[in-house]
Structure formats: C-alpha cells, structure tokens
Amino acid sequence: MRAVGIDYLLYGYIREGEYSWDCEIKLYVREMNTVTELFFCRDATDHYDRMLDELSRKILDYFYSDVGLAPYYTGT
C-alpha cells in the first residue's frame, strides 16, 4: 500500500446482517507501513446510531490517548 501525503488511513466495512450491524475498521499508519489498530463494533439492526457512536468513541479515544492528539472543542 502506498499512501502519499497521508499519515493515517481508516478503512474497513459496516455490514447489516439479519439481526445486527457488524463493523470492522482498520487504522493504517504510513510511518510504520502497517495496520496498527482494529476497531470492532456490533449492535442490533435497530441501533445503527448507537453502534456508530460507540465506534466513533473508540477511534477518538485511540487518537486522544495513544497518539496524543488534543480533543477539539468548538465552544468558547
């Protein structure tokens, strides 16, 4: 994989099954030339928003705690 000008790349899938949503997102880090993290989520088909919220929190937690990025605040 060759990513020019990109330090981090998130990719993967979200699939709807008969009873649940399944999600797997991978984090590729160019500097290491490898996938460094996997983010998994699963929830009932009627809770798509909740699953995306959980997935987003997992990804943000990783960037805040492991990468050291500061949280972004829009308020004053």
C-alpha atoms as a PDB file:
ATOM      1  CA  MET A   1       0.000   0.000   0.000  1.00  0.00           C
ATOM      2  CA  ARG A   2       1.378   3.393  -0.933  1.00  0.00           C
ATOM      3  CA  ALA A   3      -0.276   6.440   0.579  1.00  0.00           C
ATOM      4  CA  VAL A   4       1.257   9.746  -0.445  1.00  0.00           C
ATOM      5  CA  GLY A   5       0.738  12.654   1.941  1.00  0.00           C
ATOM      6  CA  ILE A   6      -1.443  10.652   4.324  1.00  0.00           C
ATOM      7  CA  ASP A   7      -0.205   9.836   7.829  1.00  0.00           C
ATOM      8  CA  TYR A   8      -3.244   7.803   8.911  1.00  0.00           C
ATOM      9  CA  LEU A   9      -5.829   5.923   6.889  1.00  0.00           C
ATOM     10  CA  LEU A  10      -9.064   4.456   8.293  1.00  0.00           C
ATOM     11  CA  TYR A  11     -10.754   1.796   6.182  1.00  0.00           C
ATOM     12  CA  GLY A  12     -12.996  -1.195   6.638  1.00  0.00           C
ATOM     13  CA  TYR A  13     -16.641  -2.152   6.479  1.00  0.00           C
ATOM     14  CA  ILE A  14     -20.047  -1.800   8.083  1.00  0.00           C
ATOM     15  CA  ARG A  15     -22.410  -4.655   7.219  1.00  0.00           C
ATOM     16  CA  GLU A  16     -26.030  -5.202   8.036  1.00  0.00           C
ATOM     17  CA  GLY A  17     -26.901  -8.780   8.905  1.00  0.00           C
ATOM     18  CA  GLU A  18     -30.271 -10.280   9.643  1.00  0.00           C
ATOM     19  CA  TYR A  19     -30.151  -9.293  13.325  1.00  0.00           C
ATOM     20  CA  SER A  20     -27.160  -6.998  13.732  1.00  0.00           C
ATOM     21  CA  TRP A  21     -24.794  -4.443  12.285  1.00  0.00           C
ATOM     22  CA  ASP A  22     -21.150  -5.552  12.205  1.00  0.00           C
ATOM     23  CA  CYS A  23     -18.305  -3.128  11.824  1.00  0.00           C
ATOM     24  CA  GLU A  24     -14.552  -3.540  11.458  1.00  0.00           C
ATOM     25  CA  ILE A  25     -12.344  -0.512  10.856  1.00  0.00           C
ATOM     26  CA  LYS A  26      -8.563  -0.718  10.450  1.00  0.00           C
ATOM     27  CA  LEU A  27      -6.052   2.049  11.073  1.00  0.00           C
ATOM     28  CA  TYR A  28      -3.067   2.112   8.724  1.00  0.00           C
ATOM     29  CA  VAL A  29      -0.081   4.217   9.825  1.00  0.00           C
ATOM     30  CA  ARG A  30       2.191   5.281   6.983  1.00  0.00           C
ATOM     31  CA  GLU A  31       5.240   5.846   9.190  1.00  0.00           C
ATOM     32  CA  MET A  32       5.099   2.197  10.318  1.00  0.00           C
ATOM     33  CA  ASN A  33       3.789   0.914   6.959  1.00  0.00           C
ATOM     34  CA  THR A  34       1.304  -1.332   8.729  1.00  0.00           C
ATOM     35  CA  VAL A  35      -2.143  -1.607  10.269  1.00  0.00           C
ATOM     36  CA  THR A  36      -1.709  -0.688  13.930  1.00  0.00           C
ATOM     37  CA  GLU A  37      -5.255  -0.879  15.295  1.00  0.00           C
ATOM     38  CA  LEU A  38      -8.520  -2.704  14.671  1.00  0.00           C
ATOM     39  CA  PHE A  39     -11.813  -1.254  15.854  1.00  0.00           C
ATOM     40  CA  PHE A  40     -14.780  -3.637  16.149  1.00  0.00           C
ATOM     41  CA  CYS A  41     -18.428  -2.909  16.898  1.00  0.00           C
ATOM     42  CA  ARG A  42     -21.667  -4.851  16.749  1.00  0.00           C
ATOM     43  CA  ASP A  43     -25.195  -3.876  17.638  1.00  0.00           C
ATOM     44  CA  ALA A  44     -28.788  -4.778  16.819  1.00  0.00           C
ATOM     45  CA  THR A  45     -30.125  -3.648  13.452  1.00  0.00           C
ATOM     46  CA  ASP A  46     -32.395  -1.096  15.108  1.00  0.00           C
ATOM     47  CA  HIS A  47     -29.417   0.571  16.866  1.00  0.00           C
ATOM     48  CA  TYR A  48     -27.252   1.772  13.966  1.00  0.00           C
ATOM     49  CA  ASP A  49     -26.757   5.232  15.526  1.00  0.00           C
ATOM     50  CA  ARG A  50     -25.652   3.709  18.821  1.00  0.00           C
ATOM     51  CA  MET A  51     -23.148   1.468  17.022  1.00  0.00           C
ATOM     52  CA  LEU A  52     -21.668   4.430  15.127  1.00  0.00           C
ATOM     53  CA  ASP A  53     -21.435   6.397  18.376  1.00  0.00           C
ATOM     54  CA  GLU A  54     -19.519   3.544  20.019  1.00  0.00           C
ATOM     55  CA  LEU A  55     -17.231   3.186  17.003  1.00  0.00           C
ATOM     56  CA  SER A  56     -16.518   6.920  16.936  1.00  0.00           C
ATOM     57  CA  ARG A  57     -15.697   6.918  20.639  1.00  0.00           C
ATOM     58  CA  LYS A  58     -13.267   4.011  20.234  1.00  0.00           C
ATOM     59  CA  ILE A  59     -11.449   5.760  17.386  1.00  0.00           C
ATOM     60  CA  LEU A  60     -11.340   9.130  19.176  1.00  0.00           C
ATOM     61  CA  ASP A  61     -10.148   7.501  22.415  1.00  0.00           C
ATOM     62  CA  TYR A  62      -7.302   5.893  20.498  1.00  0.00           C
ATOM     63  CA  PHE A  63      -6.203   9.169  18.916  1.00  0.00           C
ATOM     64  CA  TYR A  64      -6.539  11.093  22.200  1.00  0.00           C
ATOM     65  CA  SER A  65      -4.801   8.577  24.466  1.00  0.00           C
ATOM     66  CA  ASP A  66      -2.387   6.611  22.252  1.00  0.00           C
ATOM     67  CA  VAL A  67      -1.483   9.191  19.596  1.00  0.00           C
ATOM     68  CA  GLY A  68      -1.687  12.194  21.917  1.00  0.00           C
ATOM     69  CA  LEU A  69      -3.993  14.446  19.935  1.00  0.00           C
ATOM     70  CA  ALA A  70      -5.843  17.044  21.968  1.00  0.00           C
ATOM     71  CA  PRO A  71      -9.648  16.975  21.870  1.00  0.00           C
ATOM     72  CA  TYR A  72     -11.220  19.561  19.563  1.00  0.00           C
ATOM     73  CA  TYR A  73     -13.696  21.943  21.159  1.00  0.00           C
ATOM     74  CA  THR A  74     -15.952  24.251  19.162  1.00  0.00           C
ATOM     75  CA  GLY A  75     -17.232  26.268  22.133  1.00  0.00           C
ATOM     76  CA  THR A  76     -15.514  29.113  23.945  1.00  0.00           C
END
